[in-house]
N, C-alpha and C. Protein backbone atom coordinates (compact mmCIF):
# COMPACT_ATOMS: atom_id res chain seq x y z
N MET A 1 0.71 -1.26 -0.21
CA MET A 1 -0.10 -0.08 0.20
C MET A 1 0.77 1.33 -0.02
N GLY A 2 2.39 1.08 0.58
CA GLY A 2 2.94 2.36 0.82
C GLY A 2 3.36 2.39 -0.70
N GLU A 3 3.72 1.83 -1.29
CA GLU A 3 4.12 1.93 -2.93
C GLU A 3 3.25 2.49 -3.90
N ARG A 4 1.93 1.64 -3.58
CA ARG A 4 0.50 3.10 -4.53
C ARG A 4 0.66 4.76 -4.37
N VAL A 5 0.94 4.65 -2.49
CA VAL A 5 0.73 5.97 -2.04
C VAL A 5 1.63 6.65 -2.71
N ALA A 6 3.13 6.33 -2.73
CA ALA A 6 4.39 6.73 -3.39
C ALA A 6 4.26 7.04 -5.09
N GLU A 7 3.11 5.99 -5.31
CA GLU A 7 3.06 6.21 -7.25
C GLU A 7 2.64 7.68 -7.42
N MET A 8 0.96 7.69 -6.53
CA MET A 8 0.17 9.20 -6.26
C MET A 8 1.18 9.96 -6.28
N ASP A 9 1.72 9.76 -4.95
CA ASP A 9 2.51 11.13 -5.02
C ASP A 9 3.07 12.16 -6.10
N ALA A 10 4.31 10.98 -6.63
CA ALA A 10 4.80 11.24 -7.32
C ALA A 10 4.20 11.76 -8.58
N TYR A 11 2.93 11.07 -8.72
CA TYR A 11 2.29 11.57 -10.27
C TYR A 11 1.84 13.09 -10.12
N LEU A 12 1.51 13.19 -8.34
CA LEU A 12 0.63 14.19 -8.34
C LEU A 12 1.86 15.58 -8.36
N LYS A 13 3.58 15.25 -8.10
CA LYS A 13 4.33 16.62 -8.04
C LYS A 13 4.55 16.43 -9.82
N ALA A 14 4.23 15.13 -10.69
CA ALA A 14 5.38 15.22 -11.54
C ALA A 14 4.34 16.08 -12.60
N HIS A 15 3.06 16.14 -11.97
CA HIS A 15 2.28 16.78 -13.23
C HIS A 15 1.95 18.47 -12.68
N GLU A 16 2.47 18.42 -11.48
CA GLU A 16 1.99 19.87 -10.87
C GLU A 16 0.55 19.96 -10.38
N LEU A 17 0.03 18.53 -9.76
CA LEU A 17 -1.43 18.63 -9.47
C LEU A 17 -1.51 19.49 -8.46
N GLU A 18 -0.70 19.68 -7.38
CA GLU A 18 -1.36 19.91 -5.87
C GLU A 18 -1.66 21.49 -6.43
N PRO A 19 -1.04 22.53 -6.13
CA PRO A 19 -1.11 23.80 -6.50
C PRO A 19 -2.45 23.80 -7.33
N LEU A 20 -2.51 23.07 -8.78
CA LEU A 20 -4.03 23.36 -9.29
C LEU A 20 -4.86 22.76 -8.39
N LEU A 21 -5.08 22.15 -7.58
CA LEU A 21 -5.99 21.25 -6.68
C LEU A 21 -6.08 22.37 -5.55
N LYS A 22 -4.96 22.85 -5.46
CA LYS A 22 -5.01 23.60 -4.28
C LYS A 22 -5.59 25.18 -4.53
N GLN A 23 -6.08 25.30 -5.70
CA GLN A 23 -6.32 27.03 -6.51
C GLN A 23 -8.07 26.88 -6.49
N ILE A 24 -8.36 25.19 -7.12
CA ILE A 24 -9.61 24.63 -7.01
C ILE A 24 -10.47 24.99 -5.70
N VAL A 25 -10.09 24.20 -4.42
CA VAL A 25 -11.25 24.42 -3.37
C VAL A 25 -10.75 25.77 -3.03
N LEU A 26 -10.04 26.08 -3.07
CA LEU A 26 -9.29 27.75 -2.29
C LEU A 26 -10.98 28.39 -3.13
N ALA A 27 -11.34 28.41 -4.49
CA ALA A 27 -11.94 29.31 -5.57
C ALA A 27 -13.66 28.55 -5.28
N LEU A 28 -13.72 27.38 -4.56
CA LEU A 28 -14.52 26.61 -4.20
C LEU A 28 -15.09 27.52 -3.24
N CYS A 29 -13.95 27.62 -1.74
CA CYS A 29 -13.84 27.75 -0.78
C CYS A 29 -14.64 29.67 -1.16
N LYS A 30 -14.26 30.27 -1.70
CA LYS A 30 -14.34 31.34 -1.90
C LYS A 30 -15.51 31.79 -2.35
N GLU A 31 -16.24 31.09 -3.92
CA GLU A 31 -17.04 31.21 -4.05
C GLU A 31 -19.07 30.54 -3.72
N ARG A 32 -18.58 29.77 -3.05
CA ARG A 32 -19.07 28.61 -2.54
C ARG A 32 -20.41 28.37 -3.12
N PRO A 33 -20.41 28.02 -4.65
CA PRO A 33 -21.46 27.89 -4.98
C PRO A 33 -22.59 26.83 -5.60
N ASP A 34 -23.97 27.32 -5.43
CA ASP A 34 -24.41 25.66 -5.12
C ASP A 34 -24.17 24.38 -6.11
N ASP A 35 -24.00 24.74 -6.90
CA ASP A 35 -23.78 23.46 -8.00
C ASP A 35 -22.20 23.64 -8.31
N HIS A 36 -21.46 22.53 -7.21
CA HIS A 36 -20.25 22.63 -7.36
C HIS A 36 -19.61 22.41 -8.33
N LEU A 37 -20.24 21.89 -9.26
CA LEU A 37 -19.75 19.91 -10.09
C LEU A 37 -19.27 21.21 -10.86
N GLN A 38 -20.83 21.64 -11.14
CA GLN A 38 -20.39 23.03 -11.89
C GLN A 38 -19.66 24.14 -13.01
N PHE A 39 -19.63 23.94 -11.41
CA PHE A 39 -18.10 25.20 -11.03
C PHE A 39 -16.81 24.65 -11.24
N ILE A 40 -16.43 23.73 -10.66
CA ILE A 40 -15.41 22.88 -10.95
C ILE A 40 -15.10 22.84 -12.51
N GLN A 41 -15.96 22.49 -12.87
CA GLN A 41 -16.20 22.66 -14.69
C GLN A 41 -15.54 23.94 -15.49
N ASP A 42 -16.33 24.59 -15.00
CA ASP A 42 -16.48 25.98 -15.50
C ASP A 42 -14.65 26.91 -15.41
N TYR A 43 -14.73 26.59 -14.05
CA TYR A 43 -13.16 27.16 -13.58
C TYR A 43 -12.09 26.13 -14.26
N CYS A 44 -11.93 24.99 -14.46
CA CYS A 44 -11.14 24.25 -15.32
C CYS A 44 -10.94 25.22 -16.39
N ALA A 45 -12.05 25.34 -17.38
CA ALA A 45 -12.46 25.70 -18.74
C ALA A 45 -11.76 26.63 -18.54
N LYS A 46 -11.99 27.22 -18.06
CA LYS A 46 -11.40 28.94 -17.43
C LYS A 46 -9.77 29.22 -18.00
N LEU A 47 -9.60 28.27 -16.96
CA LEU A 47 -7.46 28.01 -16.84
C LEU A 47 -7.04 27.35 -18.14
N GLN A 48 -8.17 26.85 -18.84
CA GLN A 48 -7.30 26.26 -20.03
C GLN A 48 -7.41 27.24 -21.11
N GLU A 49 -8.88 28.21 -21.30
CA GLU A 49 -8.26 29.39 -22.43
C GLU A 49 -7.30 29.58 -21.41
N GLU A 50 -6.79 30.65 -20.67
CA GLU A 50 -6.28 31.18 -20.22
C GLU A 50 -4.86 30.62 -20.58
N ALA A 51 -4.37 29.29 -20.10
CA ALA A 51 -2.98 28.51 -20.26
C ALA A 51 -2.54 28.37 -21.66
N GLU A 52 -3.75 28.78 -23.33
CA GLU A 52 -3.90 28.56 -24.28
C GLU A 52 -3.73 29.80 -24.87
N GLU A 53 -4.34 31.17 -24.26
CA GLU A 53 -4.06 32.60 -24.52
C GLU A 53 -2.50 32.69 -24.53
N ALA A 54 -2.28 32.38 -23.07
CA ALA A 54 -0.62 32.45 -22.85
C ALA A 54 0.18 31.63 -24.11
N GLU A 55 -0.20 30.38 -24.63
CA GLU A 55 0.96 29.86 -25.61
C GLU A 55 0.79 30.76 -26.01
N GLU A 56 -0.37 30.90 -27.42
CA GLU A 56 -0.50 31.72 -28.03
C GLU A 56 0.50 33.19 -28.45
N ALA A 57 -0.11 33.79 -26.62
CA ALA A 57 1.25 35.25 -27.06
C ALA A 57 2.45 34.57 -27.01
N GLU A 58 2.57 33.59 -26.04
CA GLU A 58 4.61 33.25 -26.18
C GLU A 58 4.58 33.04 -27.74
N GLU A 59 4.40 32.38 -28.46
CA GLU A 59 3.83 32.10 -29.90
C GLU A 59 4.42 33.18 -30.51
N ALA A 60 3.76 33.95 -30.43
CA ALA A 60 3.69 35.14 -31.44
C ALA A 60 4.53 36.15 -30.62
N GLU A 61 5.33 36.02 -29.13
CA GLU A 61 7.44 37.27 -29.46
C GLU A 61 7.86 36.39 -29.70
N ALA A 62 8.15 35.20 -30.35
CA ALA A 62 9.15 34.10 -30.53
C ALA A 62 9.84 34.77 -31.05
N PRO A 63 10.43 34.59 -31.07
CA PRO A 63 12.11 35.48 -32.28
C PRO A 63 11.91 34.69 -34.07
N ALA A 64 11.78 35.61 -34.41
CA ALA A 64 12.46 34.47 -36.30
C ALA A 64 13.54 33.93 -36.29
N PRO A 65 13.07 32.82 -36.59
CA PRO A 65 13.84 32.27 -37.14
C PRO A 65 15.45 32.95 -37.23
N SER A 66 15.95 32.23 -37.47
CA SER A 66 17.83 33.03 -37.93
C SER A 66 17.73 32.60 -39.38
N ARG A 67 18.06 33.07 -40.32
CA ARG A 67 18.86 32.63 -41.46
C ARG A 67 19.80 31.96 -40.93
N THR A 68 19.24 30.72 -42.16
CA THR A 68 20.91 29.74 -42.00
C THR A 68 20.93 29.68 -43.56
N SER A 69 21.24 30.42 -44.28
CA SER A 69 21.13 30.62 -45.77
C SER A 69 22.79 31.35 -45.62
N ARG A 70 24.02 30.74 -46.69
CA ARG A 70 25.36 31.18 -46.61
C ARG A 70 24.88 32.33 -46.93
N ARG A 71 24.38 32.56 -48.40
CA ARG A 71 24.26 33.71 -48.93
C ARG A 71 23.35 34.91 -48.24
N GLY A 72 23.08 34.52 -47.44
CA GLY A 72 22.45 35.97 -46.71
C GLY A 72 21.49 36.68 -47.57
N GLY A 73 20.70 35.98 -48.24
CA GLY A 73 19.48 37.16 -48.96
C GLY A 73 19.57 36.92 -50.99
N ILE A 74 20.76 35.90 -51.52
CA ILE A 74 20.81 35.87 -52.32
C ILE A 74 20.23 34.80 -53.08
N SER A 75 19.74 34.66 -53.45
CA SER A 75 18.99 33.03 -53.89
C SER A 75 19.83 32.19 -55.37
N ALA A 76 20.01 31.37 -54.80
CA ALA A 76 20.73 30.48 -56.16
C ALA A 76 19.59 29.58 -56.82
N SER A 77 20.01 29.17 -58.02
CA SER A 77 19.35 28.16 -58.27
C SER A 77 19.69 27.15 -58.52
N VAL A 78 19.09 25.73 -58.17
CA VAL A 78 19.57 24.44 -58.09
C VAL A 78 19.62 23.47 -59.37
N LEU A 79 21.34 23.01 -59.53
CA LEU A 79 21.54 22.42 -60.45
C LEU A 79 21.18 21.30 -60.58
N SER A 80 20.57 21.66 -62.01
CA SER A 80 20.03 19.64 -62.09
C SER A 80 21.52 18.63 -62.66
N ALA A 81 20.90 17.52 -62.34
CA ALA A 81 22.08 16.48 -63.18
C ALA A 81 22.99 16.99 -63.83
N GLU A 82 21.95 17.63 -65.30
CA GLU A 82 22.57 17.59 -66.44
C GLU A 82 23.15 19.27 -66.33
N ASP A 83 23.06 19.61 -65.19
CA ASP A 83 23.97 21.21 -65.29
C ASP A 83 25.41 20.67 -65.13
N VAL A 84 25.56 19.74 -64.13
CA VAL A 84 26.41 18.95 -63.30
C VAL A 84 27.51 18.11 -64.51
N ALA A 85 26.45 17.71 -65.17
CA ALA A 85 27.76 16.36 -66.51
C ALA A 85 28.49 17.91 -66.79
N ASP A 86 27.20 18.52 -67.64
CA ASP A 86 28.45 19.79 -68.63
C ASP A 86 28.91 20.76 -68.32
N TYR A 87 28.78 21.18 -66.68
CA TYR A 87 29.69 22.05 -65.94
C TYR A 87 31.44 21.85 -66.81
N GLU A 88 31.24 23.47 -67.10
CA GLU A 88 33.13 23.68 -67.82
C GLU A 88 33.32 24.49 -67.07
N LYS A 89 34.15 24.38 -66.17
CA LYS A 89 34.90 25.86 -65.22
C LYS A 89 35.37 26.65 -65.92
N LYS A 90 34.74 28.10 -66.28
CA LYS A 90 36.13 28.69 -67.31
C LYS A 90 36.21 30.09 -65.76
N VAL A 91 37.90 30.65 -65.95
CA VAL A 91 38.49 31.54 -65.25
C VAL A 91 38.58 32.86 -66.10
N CYS A 92 38.25 34.32 -65.49
CA CYS A 92 37.89 35.69 -65.97
C CYS A 92 39.26 36.11 -65.74
N ALA A 93 39.48 37.09 -66.32
CA ALA A 93 41.02 37.69 -66.11
C ALA A 93 40.88 38.25 -63.80
N CYS A 94 39.95 38.41 -63.67
CA CYS A 94 39.63 38.86 -61.99
C CYS A 94 39.57 37.89 -61.33
N GLY A 95 39.09 36.62 -61.90
CA GLY A 95 39.80 35.70 -61.08
C GLY A 95 38.36 34.94 -60.93
N TYR A 96 37.25 35.66 -61.75
CA TYR A 96 35.96 35.21 -60.96
C TYR A 96 35.03 33.57 -62.05
N ILE A 97 34.85 32.41 -61.11
CA ILE A 97 34.70 31.31 -62.15
C ILE A 97 33.17 31.31 -62.08
N ALA A 98 32.99 31.38 -63.57
CA ALA A 98 31.86 31.71 -64.71
C ALA A 98 31.49 30.38 -64.91
N PRO A 99 30.45 29.49 -64.75
CA PRO A 99 30.08 28.57 -65.23
C PRO A 99 29.92 28.10 -67.23
N ARG A 100 29.78 27.96 -67.71
CA ARG A 100 29.48 27.60 -69.22
C ARG A 100 28.79 27.70 -68.95
N GLY A 101 28.29 28.52 -70.05
CA GLY A 101 26.46 28.91 -70.57
C GLY A 101 26.21 30.20 -70.22
N SER A 102 26.86 31.10 -69.26
CA SER A 102 27.07 32.35 -68.60
C SER A 102 26.74 33.48 -69.34
N SER A 103 27.16 34.48 -69.19
CA SER A 103 27.14 36.46 -70.02
C SER A 103 28.68 36.32 -70.34
N LEU A 104 29.64 36.05 -68.72
CA LEU A 104 30.88 36.25 -67.90
C LEU A 104 31.33 35.70 -68.58
N SER A 105 31.34 33.89 -68.90
CA SER A 105 31.98 33.10 -69.56
C SER A 105 32.37 33.02 -71.43
N ARG A 106 31.98 34.16 -71.80
CA ARG A 106 32.15 34.58 -73.25
C ARG A 106 32.96 35.09 -73.20
N SER A 107 33.62 34.88 -74.07
CA SER A 107 35.20 36.14 -74.74
C SER A 107 34.50 37.58 -75.47
N PRO A 108 35.51 38.46 -75.45
CA PRO A 108 34.56 39.49 -76.01
C PRO A 108 34.62 39.34 -77.93
N ASN A 109 35.13 38.54 -77.51
CA ASN A 109 35.04 38.20 -79.76
C ASN A 109 33.82 37.58 -79.61
N GLY A 110 33.39 36.93 -79.19
CA GLY A 110 32.35 35.86 -79.34
C GLY A 110 32.18 34.92 -78.78
N GLY A 111 33.55 34.69 -78.71
CA GLY A 111 33.61 32.38 -78.10
C GLY A 111 33.34 32.37 -76.71
């Protein structure tokens, strides 16, 4: 029997139910409603609403995820397998490496 009591106590602590139950009992004693079951149901529904609103407010205040892009806003198209197979590296005089087919990879004389 002592083991069962310990399990129940652990459950109450793990889910932080003792403060919640105390809060409900205090509200009951303060309000002294005729229909105590309806009062408990309404009270719990109100607590649930407040918890959901607090959660939504937290999500709204959460900072936007940081960028993980290496390019910091410059978009690049994804290369297809065909593009990779046909890729030819060309180097301009300035040291820029331009992919084959781009306007920068053409020589001034049209080549």
